[in-house]
Amino acid sequence: MGGNLQSRERLRPVDLARGHGLSTQAIRNYEEAGILPVAERTPHGYRTYTPLHATALRAFLALVPGHGHQAATSIMRAVNQDATGEAFRLIDESHAQLLDDRRTLQAVERALRALEPTSTRSEPGAEPTAPSPLSGAADTFIGPLADRLGIRPATLRKWERAGLVRPRRDPGTGYRLYDEADVRDAQLTHQLRRGGYLLEQIAPLIAQVRAAGGLEPLEAALHDWHGRLSARGRAMLTGAAALAAYLRERG
């Protein structure tokens, strides 16, 4: 593959760099990383490139927005080593990750829509449950919250150890007190657990809700999340077209 470099037009590193906002050192670094095919050398040791190198550079730069720099580098390195099967596998992994991210977003949106309070059955728990605060009060104890969610108090304690809920302690009794934000986090965790998500997968989502300051500000983040996933999908299509052009030119 690529054995017809000898008869091609000769290009300097600056010829490749020009138009892409790159330095000539970046071009040399890309060659050393395997992103570009190995360049020929003049008798004085200067690198000379060809239009095939220019096509490889365009393919790499098109792959980066959709796959990321590391994955794009691995894809190009595999192609230049004539390991196209490995390159396609890496591309498949990126698409699988994008699909997984879409499913996560859908799960979060479903969980947010399901955060309306519901009456659920009472479950016994090991920790004593003090009387519930009055209706409409800011705080609730572990027993009433577990009843509301239809889970055991031990489950809430497990979520607390994982950092998903952060109740404070009543100074008089030592019982856990869950404020409005804690209840929200517990409800969101409950919905995502019902959707099959692991605690370690839920933790960054809860952190995002907290960083957004609640569910309402998170709507803008979810809209942005949709936009970024769509942009990645479009970028993957653009990268695929550029990579296909490079593969055709390689033979």
Foldseek 3Di string as FASTA:
>chain_A
DQPVFVPFDWDALVRLCPPVVDDSVVLVVLCVLQLFPNFDADPVGGGIGGVLRSLSVVLLVLQCLQQNNVLSSVLSNCVNVVNNVVNVVSLVVSVVVLVVLVVVLVLLVVLVVPLDFDQAAFDDEDDDADDFDDPPDFKGFLRVLCRRLVHYSVVVVVLVVLVQAPFDADPVPRTTIGGPLRSSSVSSVSSVVVVVDDSVVCVVVSVVCVVLVHDVSCVVVSVVSVVSSVSSVVSSVSSVVSVVVSSVVSD
